């Protein structure tokens, strides 16, 4: 069975996460996939950091 591939985070996806106030399983899988990618760029790291700050500050709810 193949593992599904998820597109990388974009500013549009991060804006959608913050507008909904929810970090879904699909969003978390997308972030995990990015972190496993050896060629991740500064922009992507910045987007991941922004989402993680939202979770830590309680701005985003983490859904199952």
PDB file of N, CA and C in Angstrom:
ATOM      1  N   UNK A   1       0.843  -1.185   0.000  1.00  0.00           N
ATOM      2  CA  UNK A   1       0.000   0.000   0.000  1.00  0.00           C
ATOM      3  C   UNK A   1       0.884   1.242   0.000  1.00  0.00           C
ATOM      4  N   UNK A   2       0.594   2.149  -0.883  1.00  0.00           N
ATOM      5  CA  UNK A   2       1.377   3.374  -0.987  1.00  0.00           C
ATOM      6  C   UNK A   2       0.912   4.400   0.034  1.00  0.00           C
ATOM      7  N   UNK A   3       1.891   5.127   0.577  1.00  0.00           N
ATOM      8  CA  UNK A   3       1.577   6.228   1.472  1.00  0.00           C
ATOM      9  C   UNK A   3       1.155   7.414   0.624  1.00  0.00           C
ATOM     10  N   UNK A   4       0.050   8.068   0.969  1.00  0.00           N
ATOM     11  CA  UNK A   4      -0.371   9.217   0.155  1.00  0.00           C
ATOM     12  C   UNK A   4       0.635  10.351   0.275  1.00  0.00           C
ATOM     13  N   UNK A   5       0.819  11.058  -0.816  1.00  0.00           N
ATOM     14  CA  UNK A   5       1.697  12.214  -0.772  1.00  0.00           C
ATOM     15  C   UNK A   5       0.853  13.457  -0.561  1.00  0.00           C
ATOM     16  N   UNK A   6       1.390  14.388   0.192  1.00  0.00           N
ATOM     17  CA  UNK A   6       0.669  15.613   0.491  1.00  0.00           C
ATOM     18  C   UNK A   6       1.458  16.782  -0.064  1.00  0.00           C
ATOM     19  N   UNK A   7       0.759  17.733  -0.670  1.00  0.00           N
ATOM     20  CA  UNK A   7       1.483  18.900  -1.177  1.00  0.00           C
ATOM     21  C   UNK A   7       2.081  19.685  -0.020  1.00  0.00           C
ATOM     22  N   UNK A   8       3.143  20.376  -0.330  1.00  0.00           N
ATOM     23  CA  UNK A   8       3.806  21.169   0.695  1.00  0.00           C
ATOM     24  C   UNK A   8       2.941  22.340   1.129  1.00  0.00           C
ATOM     25  N   UNK A   9       3.249  22.847   2.316  1.00  0.00           N
ATOM     26  CA  UNK A   9       2.523  24.009   2.830  1.00  0.00           C
ATOM     27  C   UNK A   9       2.807  25.222   1.968  1.00  0.00           C
ATOM     28  N   UNK A  10       1.782  25.992   1.752  1.00  0.00           N
ATOM     29  CA  UNK A  10       1.928  27.275   1.088  1.00  0.00           C
ATOM     30  C   UNK A  10       1.326  28.318   2.015  1.00  0.00           C
ATOM     31  N   UNK A  11       1.593  29.570   1.733  1.00  0.00           N
ATOM     32  CA  UNK A  11       1.016  30.631   2.555  1.00  0.00           C
ATOM     33  C   UNK A  11      -0.506  30.562   2.522  1.00  0.00           C
ATOM     34  N   UNK A  12      -1.071  30.178   1.394  1.00  0.00           N
ATOM     35  CA  UNK A  12      -2.524  30.061   1.266  1.00  0.00           C
ATOM     36  C   UNK A  12      -3.064  28.977   2.203  1.00  0.00           C
ATOM     37  N   UNK A  13      -2.384  27.842   2.279  1.00  0.00           N
ATOM     38  CA  UNK A  13      -2.821  26.760   3.171  1.00  0.00           C
ATOM     39  C   UNK A  13      -2.700  27.189   4.623  1.00  0.00           C
ATOM     40  N   UNK A  14      -1.608  27.855   4.981  1.00  0.00           N
ATOM     41  CA  UNK A  14      -1.416  28.326   6.355  1.00  0.00           C
ATOM     42  C   UNK A  14      -2.488  29.355   6.708  1.00  0.00           C
ATOM     43  N   UNK A  15      -2.804  30.249   5.787  1.00  0.00           N
ATOM     44  CA  UNK A  15      -3.874  31.227   6.025  1.00  0.00           C
ATOM     45  C   UNK A  15      -5.208  30.521   6.262  1.00  0.00           C
ATOM     46  N   UNK A  16      -5.465  29.442   5.510  1.00  0.00           N
ATOM     47  CA  UNK A  16      -6.701  28.675   5.689  1.00  0.00           C
ATOM     48  C   UNK A  16      -6.718  28.003   7.062  1.00  0.00           C
ATOM     49  N   UNK A  17      -5.578  27.477   7.494  1.00  0.00           N
ATOM     50  CA  UNK A  17      -5.482  26.843   8.817  1.00  0.00           C
ATOM     51  C   UNK A  17      -5.824  27.863   9.899  1.00  0.00           C
ATOM     52  N   UNK A  18      -5.258  29.057   9.791  1.00  0.00           N
ATOM     53  CA  UNK A  18      -5.513  30.077  10.804  1.00  0.00           C
ATOM     54  C   UNK A  18      -6.934  30.625  10.718  1.00  0.00           C
ATOM     55  N   UNK A  19      -7.492  30.712   9.524  1.00  0.00           N
ATOM     56  CA  UNK A  19      -8.861  31.225   9.420  1.00  0.00           C
ATOM     57  C   UNK A  19      -9.866  30.233  10.010  1.00  0.00           C
ATOM     58  N   UNK A  20      -9.571  28.930   9.886  1.00  0.00           N
ATOM     59  CA  UNK A  20     -10.466  27.929  10.474  1.00  0.00           C
ATOM     60  C   UNK A  20     -10.167  27.723  11.958  1.00  0.00           C
ATOM     61  N   UNK A  21      -8.937  28.048  12.370  1.00  0.00           N
ATOM     62  CA  UNK A  21      -8.541  27.852  13.761  1.00  0.00           C
ATOM     63  C   UNK A  21      -8.286  26.400  14.109  1.00  0.00           C
ATOM     64  N   UNK A  22      -8.140  25.556  13.073  1.00  0.00           N
ATOM     65  CA  UNK A  22      -7.983  24.119  13.292  1.00  0.00           C
ATOM     66  C   UNK A  22      -6.819  23.552  12.483  1.00  0.00           C
ATOM     67  N   UNK A  23      -6.060  22.693  13.150  1.00  0.00           N
ATOM     68  CA  UNK A  23      -4.982  21.956  12.496  1.00  0.00           C
ATOM     69  C   UNK A  23      -5.466  20.512  12.348  1.00  0.00           C
ATOM     70  N   UNK A  24      -5.764  20.114  11.123  1.00  0.00           N
ATOM     71  CA  UNK A  24      -6.342  18.793  10.874  1.00  0.00           C
ATOM     72  C   UNK A  24      -5.256  17.727  10.758  1.00  0.00           C
ATOM     73  N   UNK A  25      -5.691  16.486  10.738  1.00  0.00           N
ATOM     74  CA  UNK A  25      -4.755  15.372  10.535  1.00  0.00           C
ATOM     75  C   UNK A  25      -4.029  15.537   9.196  1.00  0.00           C
ATOM     76  N   UNK A  26      -4.742  15.922   8.167  1.00  0.00           N
ATOM     77  CA  UNK A  26      -4.134  16.120   6.845  1.00  0.00           C
ATOM     78  C   UNK A  26      -3.070  17.211   6.910  1.00  0.00           C
ATOM     79  N   UNK A  27      -3.345  18.287   7.641  1.00  0.00           N
ATOM     80  CA  UNK A  27      -2.357  19.362   7.803  1.00  0.00           C
ATOM     81  C   UNK A  27      -1.110  18.839   8.503  1.00  0.00           C
ATOM     82  N   UNK A  28      -1.306  18.039   9.547  1.00  0.00           N
ATOM     83  CA  UNK A  28      -0.170  17.489  10.294  1.00  0.00           C
ATOM     84  C   UNK A  28       0.643  16.539   9.427  1.00  0.00           C
ATOM     85  N   UNK A  29      -0.033  15.747   8.602  1.00  0.00           N
ATOM     86  CA  UNK A  29       0.675  14.843   7.697  1.00  0.00           C
ATOM     87  C   UNK A  29       1.465  15.635   6.666  1.00  0.00           C
ATOM     88  N   UNK A  30       0.898  16.730   6.215  1.00  0.00           N
ATOM     89  CA  UNK A  30       1.581  17.613   5.260  1.00  0.00           C
ATOM     90  C   UNK A  30       2.866  18.156   5.895  1.00  0.00           C
ATOM     91  N   UNK A  31       2.774  18.610   7.148  1.00  0.00           N
ATOM     92  CA  UNK A  31       3.941  19.150   7.855  1.00  0.00           C
ATOM     93  C   UNK A  31       4.979  18.058   8.077  1.00  0.00           C
ATOM     94  N   UNK A  32       4.524  16.885   8.475  1.00  0.00           N
ATOM     95  CA  UNK A  32       5.434  15.764   8.704  1.00  0.00           C
ATOM     96  C   UNK A  32       6.183  15.408   7.422  1.00  0.00           C
ATOM     97  N   UNK A  33       5.475  15.381   6.318  1.00  0.00           N
ATOM     98  CA  UNK A  33       6.082  15.085   5.027  1.00  0.00           C
ATOM     99  C   UNK A  33       7.146  16.122   4.684  1.00  0.00           C
ATOM    100  N   UNK A  34       6.849  17.366   4.964  1.00  0.00           N
ATOM    101  CA  UNK A  34       7.812  18.437   4.682  1.00  0.00           C
ATOM    102  C   UNK A  34       9.063  18.283   5.530  1.00  0.00           C
ATOM    103  N   UNK A  35       8.890  17.953   6.808  1.00  0.00           N
ATOM    104  CA  UNK A  35      10.035  17.834   7.705  1.00  0.00           C
ATOM    105  C   UNK A  35      10.929  16.662   7.322  1.00  0.00           C
ATOM    106  N   UNK A  36      10.366  15.648   6.685  1.00  0.00           N
ATOM    107  CA  UNK A  36      11.154  14.502   6.243  1.00  0.00           C
ATOM    108  C   UNK A  36      11.867  14.765   4.920  1.00  0.00           C
ATOM    109  N   UNK A  37      11.495  15.823   4.235  1.00  0.00           N
ATOM    110  CA  UNK A  37      12.097  16.169   2.958  1.00  0.00           C
ATOM    111  C   UNK A  37      13.433  16.859   3.208  1.00  0.00           C
ATOM    112  N   UNK A  38      14.484  16.307   2.668  1.00  0.00           N
ATOM    113  CA  UNK A  38      15.822  16.844   2.907  1.00  0.00           C
ATOM    114  C   UNK A  38      16.051  18.204   2.250  1.00  0.00           C
ATOM    115  N   UNK A  39      15.241  18.559   1.286  1.00  0.00           N
ATOM    116  CA  UNK A  39      15.467  19.809   0.563  1.00  0.00           C
ATOM    117  C   UNK A  39      14.494  20.908   0.982  1.00  0.00           C
ATOM    118  N   UNK A  40      14.011  20.840   2.208  1.00  0.00           N
ATOM    119  CA  UNK A  40      13.063  21.845   2.698  1.00  0.00           C
ATOM    120  C   UNK A  40      13.758  23.207   2.757  1.00  0.00           C
ATOM    121  N   UNK A  41      13.035  24.231   2.356  1.00  0.00           N
ATOM    122  CA  UNK A  41      13.605  25.576   2.288  1.00  0.00           C
ATOM    123  C   UNK A  41      13.259  26.429   3.498  1.00  0.00           C
ATOM    124  N   UNK A  42      13.875  27.589   3.545  1.00  0.00           N
ATOM    125  CA  UNK A  42      13.645  28.532   4.647  1.00  0.00           C
ATOM    126  C   UNK A  42      12.181  28.974   4.715  1.00  0.00           C
ATOM    127  N   UNK A  43      11.569  29.188   3.559  1.00  0.00           N
ATOM    128  CA  UNK A  43      10.166  29.621   3.536  1.00  0.00           C
ATOM    129  C   UNK A  43       9.264  28.557   4.157  1.00  0.00           C
ATOM    130  N   UNK A  44       9.499  27.299   3.792  1.00  0.00           N
ATOM    131  CA  UNK A  44       8.689  26.214   4.342  1.00  0.00           C
ATOM    132  C   UNK A  44       8.901  26.088   5.850  1.00  0.00           C
ATOM    133  N   UNK A  45      10.145  26.214   6.300  1.00  0.00           N
ATOM    134  CA  UNK A  45      10.428  26.153   7.741  1.00  0.00           C
ATOM    135  C   UNK A  45       9.725  27.285   8.482  1.00  0.00           C
ATOM    136  N   UNK A  46       9.694  28.440   7.871  1.00  0.00           N
ATOM    137  CA  UNK A  46       9.022  29.592   8.469  1.00  0.00           C
ATOM    138  C   UNK A  46       7.519  29.341   8.602  1.00  0.00           C
ATOM    139  N   UNK A  47       6.913  28.724   7.580  1.00  0.00           N
ATOM    140  CA  UNK A  47       5.489  28.409   7.621  1.00  0.00           C
ATOM    141  C   UNK A  47       5.179  27.384   8.701  1.00  0.00           C
ATOM    142  N   UNK A  48       6.037  26.361   8.817  1.00  0.00           N
ATOM    143  CA  UNK A  48       5.849  25.343   9.854  1.00  0.00           C
ATOM    144  C   UNK A  48       5.959  25.987  11.228  1.00  0.00           C
ATOM    145  N   UNK A  49       6.945  26.848  11.404  1.00  0.00           N
ATOM    146  CA  UNK A  49       7.129  27.533  12.685  1.00  0.00           C
ATOM    147  C   UNK A  49       5.900  28.369  13.035  1.00  0.00           C
ATOM    148  N   UNK A  50       5.339  29.034  12.056  1.00  0.00           N
ATOM    149  CA  UNK A  50       4.144  29.856  12.279  1.00  0.00           C
ATOM    150  C   UNK A  50       2.977  28.994  12.775  1.00  0.00           C
ATOM    151  N   UNK A  51       2.791  27.830  12.156  1.00  0.00           N
ATOM    152  CA  UNK A  51       1.716  26.932  12.562  1.00  0.00           C
ATOM    153  C   UNK A  51       1.978  26.395  13.973  1.00  0.00           C
ATOM    154  N   UNK A  52       3.205  25.992  14.248  1.00  0.00           N
ATOM    155  CA  UNK A  52       3.529  25.451  15.569  1.00  0.00           C
ATOM    156  C   UNK A  52       3.344  26.511  16.664  1.00  0.00           C
ATOM    157  N   UNK A  53       3.686  27.744  16.374  1.00  0.00           N
ATOM    158  CA  UNK A  53       3.448  28.830  17.330  1.00  0.00           C
ATOM    159  C   UNK A  53       1.952  28.993  17.596  1.00  0.00           C
ATOM    160  N   UNK A  54       1.151  28.857  16.557  1.00  0.00           N
ATOM    161  CA  UNK A  54      -0.299  28.944  16.712  1.00  0.00           C
ATOM    162  C   UNK A  54      -0.841  27.873  17.635  1.00  0.00           C
ATOM    163  N   UNK A  55      -0.268  26.667  17.549  1.00  0.00           N
ATOM    164  CA  UNK A  55      -0.690  25.573  18.431  1.00  0.00           C
ATOM    165  C   UNK A  55      -0.266  25.876  19.869  1.00  0.00           C
ATOM    166  N   UNK A  56       1.001  26.267  20.038  1.00  0.00           N
ATOM    167  CA  UNK A  56       1.530  26.522  21.381  1.00  0.00           C
ATOM    168  C   UNK A  56       0.781  27.662  22.067  1.00  0.00           C
ATOM    169  N   UNK A  57       0.441  28.694  21.319  1.00  0.00           N
ATOM    170  CA  UNK A  57      -0.252  29.850  21.890  1.00  0.00           C
ATOM    171  C   UNK A  57      -1.748  29.613  22.070  1.00  0.00           C
ATOM    172  N   UNK A  58      -2.242  28.463  21.621  1.00  0.00           N
ATOM    173  CA  UNK A  58      -3.654  28.143  21.775  1.00  0.00           C
ATOM    174  C   UNK A  58      -4.542  28.778  20.734  1.00  0.00           C
ATOM    175  N   UNK A  59      -3.945  29.317  19.682  1.00  0.00           N
ATOM    176  CA  UNK A  59      -4.724  29.934  18.593  1.00  0.00           C
ATOM    177  C   UNK A  59      -5.352  28.851  17.715  1.00  0.00           C
ATOM    178  N   UNK A  60      -4.650  27.723  17.582  1.00  0.00           N
ATOM    179  CA  UNK A  60      -5.117  26.607  16.737  1.00  0.00           C
ATOM    180  C   UNK A  60      -5.493  25.416  17.606  1.00  0.00           C
ATOM    181  N   UNK A  61      -6.614  24.802  17.278  1.00  0.00           N
ATOM    182  CA  UNK A  61      -7.021  23.548  17.911  1.00  0.00           C
ATOM    183  C   UNK A  61      -6.493  22.404  17.056  1.00  0.00           C
ATOM    184  N   UNK A  62      -5.943  21.388  17.678  1.00  0.00           N
ATOM    185  CA  UNK A  62      -5.444  20.218  16.965  1.00  0.00           C
ATOM    186  C   UNK A  62      -6.549  19.175  16.945  1.00  0.00           C
ATOM    187  N   UNK A  63      -6.987  18.819  15.736  1.00  0.00           N
ATOM    188  CA  UNK A  63      -8.062  17.838  15.573  1.00  0.00           C
ATOM    189  C   UNK A  63      -7.490  16.449  15.332  1.00  0.00           C
ATOM    190  N   UNK A  64      -8.259  15.425  15.705  1.00  0.00           N
ATOM    191  CA  UNK A  64      -7.852  14.034  15.439  1.00  0.00           C
ATOM    192  C   UNK A  64      -8.167  13.628  14.047  1.00  0.00           C
TER     193      UNK A  64
END
